[in-house]
Amino acid sequence: MIKNIKKRKCSAFTLVEMSVVLFIISLLILLMLPNIAAQRKNAMKINKQALQTELNTQAQLYLSDKNVQSVSLDDLTKAHYLTKEQYEMIKREGLTIQVDE
């Protein structure tokens, strides 16, 4: 019986091994966080540009369809050229209509 107990080997991680693994994982996270923040800023910038393009396109379409000289954000929303969600995002971003005449 004593021989069986001595032959058994423990296959668990030691405290040092666990500490090394946690250190490596922490280091990888610290290296990735600045890149993730930069990518988020870049995505927000691209989204704003796309929203501005959509606003300008819809304004030009409205001017062409209605044969008028000017258009407001409210006009586009009332005529269903923009959705309520787009209207709210445009207001939040502070975008303005930029139509080439």
N, C-alpha and C. Protein backbone atom coordinates (compact mmCIF):
# COMPACT_ATOMS: atom_id res chain seq x y z
N MET A 1 0.82 -1.19 0.00
CA MET A 1 0.00 0.00 0.00
C MET A 1 0.86 1.26 0.00
N ILE A 2 1.91 1.24 0.71
CA ILE A 2 2.80 2.38 0.76
C ILE A 2 3.49 2.57 -0.58
N LYS A 3 3.80 1.52 -1.28
CA LYS A 3 4.44 1.62 -2.59
C LYS A 3 3.55 2.37 -3.59
N ASN A 4 2.23 2.15 -3.55
CA ASN A 4 1.30 2.83 -4.46
C ASN A 4 1.26 4.33 -4.23
N ILE A 5 1.36 4.76 -3.01
CA ILE A 5 1.31 6.17 -2.67
C ILE A 5 2.57 6.87 -3.17
N LYS A 6 3.69 6.28 -3.06
CA LYS A 6 4.94 6.89 -3.47
C LYS A 6 5.06 6.99 -4.99
N LYS A 7 4.48 6.07 -5.73
CA LYS A 7 4.56 6.08 -7.18
C LYS A 7 3.68 7.16 -7.82
N ARG A 8 2.66 7.58 -7.13
CA ARG A 8 1.74 8.57 -7.66
C ARG A 8 2.42 9.93 -7.76
N LYS A 9 2.36 10.57 -8.97
CA LYS A 9 2.98 11.88 -9.17
C LYS A 9 1.89 12.93 -9.27
N CYS A 10 2.19 14.07 -8.73
CA CYS A 10 1.24 15.17 -8.77
C CYS A 10 1.43 15.92 -10.09
N SER A 11 0.34 16.11 -10.85
CA SER A 11 0.45 16.77 -12.15
C SER A 11 -0.19 18.17 -12.15
N ALA A 12 -0.29 18.78 -11.02
CA ALA A 12 -0.88 20.12 -10.92
C ALA A 12 0.20 21.18 -11.17
N PHE A 13 -0.26 22.42 -11.50
CA PHE A 13 0.66 23.53 -11.71
C PHE A 13 1.19 24.02 -10.37
N THR A 14 2.42 24.46 -10.39
CA THR A 14 2.99 25.05 -9.17
C THR A 14 2.63 26.53 -9.15
N LEU A 15 2.84 27.14 -8.03
CA LEU A 15 2.53 28.56 -7.87
C LEU A 15 3.41 29.41 -8.80
N VAL A 16 4.63 29.03 -9.00
CA VAL A 16 5.53 29.77 -9.88
C VAL A 16 5.05 29.67 -11.33
N GLU A 17 4.66 28.50 -11.75
CA GLU A 17 4.16 28.32 -13.12
C GLU A 17 2.90 29.14 -13.36
N MET A 18 1.99 29.14 -12.42
CA MET A 18 0.77 29.93 -12.54
C MET A 18 1.08 31.42 -12.57
N SER A 19 2.03 31.85 -11.77
CA SER A 19 2.42 33.27 -11.76
C SER A 19 3.01 33.68 -13.11
N VAL A 20 3.82 32.83 -13.70
CA VAL A 20 4.41 33.13 -15.00
C VAL A 20 3.32 33.22 -16.07
N VAL A 21 2.40 32.31 -16.06
CA VAL A 21 1.29 32.32 -17.04
C VAL A 21 0.46 33.60 -16.87
N LEU A 22 0.11 33.96 -15.66
CA LEU A 22 -0.66 35.18 -15.42
C LEU A 22 0.11 36.43 -15.83
N PHE A 23 1.42 36.43 -15.60
CA PHE A 23 2.25 37.57 -16.02
C PHE A 23 2.24 37.71 -17.55
N ILE A 24 2.39 36.62 -18.26
CA ILE A 24 2.39 36.66 -19.73
C ILE A 24 1.04 37.13 -20.26
N ILE A 25 -0.04 36.63 -19.71
CA ILE A 25 -1.38 37.05 -20.14
C ILE A 25 -1.57 38.54 -19.87
N SER A 26 -1.16 39.01 -18.72
CA SER A 26 -1.27 40.44 -18.38
C SER A 26 -0.45 41.29 -19.34
N LEU A 27 0.72 40.84 -19.67
CA LEU A 27 1.58 41.58 -20.59
C LEU A 27 0.94 41.67 -21.98
N LEU A 28 0.37 40.59 -22.45
CA LEU A 28 -0.30 40.60 -23.75
C LEU A 28 -1.50 41.55 -23.77
N ILE A 29 -2.24 41.57 -22.69
CA ILE A 29 -3.39 42.48 -22.59
C ILE A 29 -2.92 43.93 -22.61
N LEU A 30 -1.87 44.22 -21.88
CA LEU A 30 -1.34 45.59 -21.86
C LEU A 30 -0.83 46.03 -23.23
N LEU A 31 -0.32 45.11 -24.01
CA LEU A 31 0.15 45.44 -25.35
C LEU A 31 -1.01 45.66 -26.32
N MET A 32 -2.12 44.98 -26.11
CA MET A 32 -3.25 45.06 -27.04
C MET A 32 -4.18 46.24 -26.76
N LEU A 33 -4.29 46.70 -25.54
CA LEU A 33 -5.24 47.76 -25.19
C LEU A 33 -5.07 49.05 -25.98
N PRO A 34 -3.87 49.59 -26.14
CA PRO A 34 -3.74 50.83 -26.93
C PRO A 34 -4.18 50.65 -28.38
N ASN A 35 -3.92 49.49 -28.97
CA ASN A 35 -4.32 49.22 -30.34
C ASN A 35 -5.84 49.15 -30.45
N ILE A 36 -6.49 48.56 -29.48
CA ILE A 36 -7.96 48.47 -29.50
C ILE A 36 -8.57 49.86 -29.39
N ALA A 37 -8.03 50.71 -28.55
CA ALA A 37 -8.54 52.08 -28.41
C ALA A 37 -8.35 52.87 -29.69
N ALA A 38 -7.22 52.70 -30.34
CA ALA A 38 -6.96 53.40 -31.61
C ALA A 38 -7.92 52.92 -32.69
N GLN A 39 -8.18 51.64 -32.74
CA GLN A 39 -9.11 51.10 -33.74
C GLN A 39 -10.53 51.60 -33.50
N ARG A 40 -10.90 51.77 -32.25
CA ARG A 40 -12.23 52.29 -31.94
C ARG A 40 -12.37 53.73 -32.42
N LYS A 41 -11.35 54.54 -32.18
CA LYS A 41 -11.37 55.93 -32.64
C LYS A 41 -11.46 55.99 -34.16
N ASN A 42 -10.71 55.12 -34.82
CA ASN A 42 -10.72 55.08 -36.27
C ASN A 42 -12.11 54.68 -36.79
N ALA A 43 -12.74 53.71 -36.16
CA ALA A 43 -14.08 53.28 -36.57
C ALA A 43 -15.10 54.39 -36.37
N MET A 44 -14.99 55.14 -35.29
CA MET A 44 -15.91 56.24 -35.05
C MET A 44 -15.72 57.35 -36.10
N LYS A 45 -14.47 57.60 -36.49
CA LYS A 45 -14.18 58.60 -37.51
C LYS A 45 -14.78 58.19 -38.86
N ILE A 46 -14.61 56.93 -39.22
CA ILE A 46 -15.15 56.43 -40.48
C ILE A 46 -16.68 56.47 -40.47
N ASN A 47 -17.28 56.15 -39.33
CA ASN A 47 -18.73 56.20 -39.21
C ASN A 47 -19.24 57.63 -39.40
N LYS A 48 -18.55 58.60 -38.83
CA LYS A 48 -18.94 60.00 -38.97
C LYS A 48 -18.83 60.45 -40.43
N GLN A 49 -17.77 60.04 -41.11
CA GLN A 49 -17.61 60.39 -42.51
C GLN A 49 -18.71 59.76 -43.37
N ALA A 50 -19.06 58.52 -43.08
CA ALA A 50 -20.12 57.85 -43.83
C ALA A 50 -21.47 58.53 -43.60
N LEU A 51 -21.72 58.95 -42.39
CA LEU A 51 -22.96 59.64 -42.07
C LEU A 51 -23.03 60.98 -42.78
N GLN A 52 -21.90 61.69 -42.86
CA GLN A 52 -21.86 62.96 -43.58
C GLN A 52 -22.13 62.75 -45.07
N THR A 53 -21.56 61.71 -45.63
CA THR A 53 -21.79 61.39 -47.03
C THR A 53 -23.26 61.06 -47.28
N GLU A 54 -23.84 60.29 -46.40
CA GLU A 54 -25.27 59.94 -46.52
C GLU A 54 -26.14 61.19 -46.45
N LEU A 55 -25.83 62.08 -45.53
CA LEU A 55 -26.58 63.32 -45.39
C LEU A 55 -26.49 64.16 -46.66
N ASN A 56 -25.30 64.31 -47.19
CA ASN A 56 -25.12 65.10 -48.41
C ASN A 56 -25.84 64.48 -49.61
N THR A 57 -25.76 63.16 -49.72
CA THR A 57 -26.42 62.46 -50.82
C THR A 57 -27.93 62.62 -50.75
N GLN A 58 -28.48 62.46 -49.56
CA GLN A 58 -29.93 62.58 -49.41
C GLN A 58 -30.39 64.01 -49.64
N ALA A 59 -29.57 64.97 -49.24
CA ALA A 59 -29.92 66.38 -49.48
C ALA A 59 -29.93 66.68 -50.98
N GLN A 60 -28.95 66.18 -51.71
CA GLN A 60 -28.91 66.38 -53.16
C GLN A 60 -30.10 65.71 -53.83
N LEU A 61 -30.44 64.53 -53.38
CA LEU A 61 -31.59 63.81 -53.92
C LEU A 61 -32.88 64.58 -53.66
N TYR A 62 -33.02 65.13 -52.46
CA TYR A 62 -34.20 65.92 -52.12
C TYR A 62 -34.30 67.16 -53.00
N LEU A 63 -33.18 67.86 -53.16
CA LEU A 63 -33.17 69.07 -53.98
C LEU A 63 -33.55 68.74 -55.43
N SER A 64 -33.07 67.64 -55.92
CA SER A 64 -33.37 67.23 -57.29
C SER A 64 -34.83 66.80 -57.45
N ASP A 65 -35.32 66.02 -56.48
CA ASP A 65 -36.70 65.53 -56.55
C ASP A 65 -37.72 66.65 -56.40
N LYS A 66 -37.49 67.55 -55.47
CA LYS A 66 -38.47 68.59 -55.14
C LYS A 66 -38.26 69.87 -55.96
N ASN A 67 -37.14 69.95 -56.68
CA ASN A 67 -36.81 71.12 -57.50
C ASN A 67 -36.85 72.42 -56.66
N VAL A 68 -36.13 72.38 -55.53
CA VAL A 68 -36.02 73.54 -54.64
C VAL A 68 -34.55 73.93 -54.53
N GLN A 69 -34.29 75.09 -53.93
CA GLN A 69 -32.93 75.61 -53.82
C GLN A 69 -32.24 75.28 -52.50
N SER A 70 -33.03 75.03 -51.45
CA SER A 70 -32.42 74.75 -50.15
C SER A 70 -33.21 73.65 -49.44
N VAL A 71 -32.55 73.05 -48.47
CA VAL A 71 -33.15 71.97 -47.71
C VAL A 71 -32.60 72.00 -46.28
N SER A 72 -33.43 71.62 -45.35
CA SER A 72 -32.99 71.54 -43.96
C SER A 72 -33.03 70.09 -43.49
N LEU A 73 -32.43 69.86 -42.37
CA LEU A 73 -32.42 68.53 -41.78
C LEU A 73 -33.85 68.07 -41.46
N ASP A 74 -34.67 69.00 -40.99
CA ASP A 74 -36.06 68.67 -40.68
C ASP A 74 -36.84 68.30 -41.95
N ASP A 75 -36.55 69.01 -43.06
CA ASP A 75 -37.20 68.68 -44.33
C ASP A 75 -36.88 67.25 -44.76
N LEU A 76 -35.62 66.88 -44.63
CA LEU A 76 -35.21 65.53 -45.01
C LEU A 76 -35.88 64.46 -44.16
N THR A 77 -36.04 64.75 -42.89
CA THR A 77 -36.66 63.78 -41.99
C THR A 77 -38.16 63.68 -42.26
N LYS A 78 -38.82 64.81 -42.43
CA LYS A 78 -40.26 64.80 -42.69
C LYS A 78 -40.60 64.12 -44.01
N ALA A 79 -39.75 64.28 -45.00
CA ALA A 79 -39.98 63.67 -46.32
C ALA A 79 -39.46 62.23 -46.38
N HIS A 80 -39.00 61.70 -45.26
CA HIS A 80 -38.51 60.32 -45.13
C HIS A 80 -37.26 60.04 -45.97
N TYR A 81 -36.44 61.04 -46.15
CA TYR A 81 -35.14 60.84 -46.77
C TYR A 81 -34.12 60.38 -45.74
N LEU A 82 -34.40 60.69 -44.47
CA LEU A 82 -33.58 60.23 -43.35
C LEU A 82 -34.48 59.57 -42.32
N THR A 83 -33.95 58.57 -41.63
CA THR A 83 -34.70 57.94 -40.54
C THR A 83 -34.52 58.75 -39.27
N LYS A 84 -35.34 58.47 -38.29
CA LYS A 84 -35.22 59.14 -36.98
C LYS A 84 -33.85 58.87 -36.36
N GLU A 85 -33.36 57.63 -36.51
CA GLU A 85 -32.06 57.28 -35.95
C GLU A 85 -30.94 58.08 -36.62
N GLN A 86 -31.02 58.21 -37.95
CA GLN A 86 -30.02 59.01 -38.65
C GLN A 86 -30.09 60.47 -38.21
N TYR A 87 -31.30 60.98 -38.09
CA TYR A 87 -31.49 62.36 -37.65
C TYR A 87 -30.84 62.59 -36.29
N GLU A 88 -31.07 61.68 -35.36
CA GLU A 88 -30.52 61.81 -34.01
C GLU A 88 -28.99 61.73 -34.03
N MET A 89 -28.44 60.81 -34.83
CA MET A 89 -26.98 60.70 -34.91
C MET A 89 -26.37 61.95 -35.54
N ILE A 90 -27.03 62.50 -36.57
CA ILE A 90 -26.52 63.71 -37.22
C ILE A 90 -26.52 64.87 -36.24
N LYS A 91 -27.59 65.01 -35.48
CA LYS A 91 -27.66 66.07 -34.46
C LYS A 91 -26.57 65.88 -33.41
N ARG A 92 -26.40 64.63 -32.94
CA ARG A 92 -25.41 64.35 -31.90
C ARG A 92 -23.99 64.64 -32.40
N GLU A 93 -23.71 64.33 -33.65
CA GLU A 93 -22.38 64.56 -34.22
C GLU A 93 -22.16 66.00 -34.64
N GLY A 94 -23.25 66.78 -34.73
CA GLY A 94 -23.14 68.18 -35.13
C GLY A 94 -22.85 68.36 -36.61
N LEU A 95 -23.33 67.45 -37.45
CA LEU A 95 -23.08 67.51 -38.88
C LEU A 95 -24.02 68.50 -39.54
N THR A 96 -23.59 69.08 -40.65
CA THR A 96 -24.41 70.01 -41.41
C THR A 96 -24.44 69.57 -42.88
N ILE A 97 -25.46 70.03 -43.59
CA ILE A 97 -25.61 69.69 -44.99
C ILE A 97 -24.59 70.48 -45.80
N GLN A 98 -23.86 69.78 -46.65
CA GLN A 98 -22.84 70.39 -47.51
C GLN A 98 -23.11 69.95 -48.94
N VAL A 99 -23.94 70.73 -49.64
CA VAL A 99 -24.31 70.39 -51.00
C VAL A 99 -23.53 71.26 -51.97
N ASP A 100 -22.91 70.62 -52.97
CA ASP A 100 -22.20 71.36 -54.01
C ASP A 100 -23.21 71.91 -54.99
N GLU A 101 -23.16 73.18 -55.21
CA GLU A 101 -24.12 73.83 -56.13
C GLU A 101 -23.53 73.91 -57.51
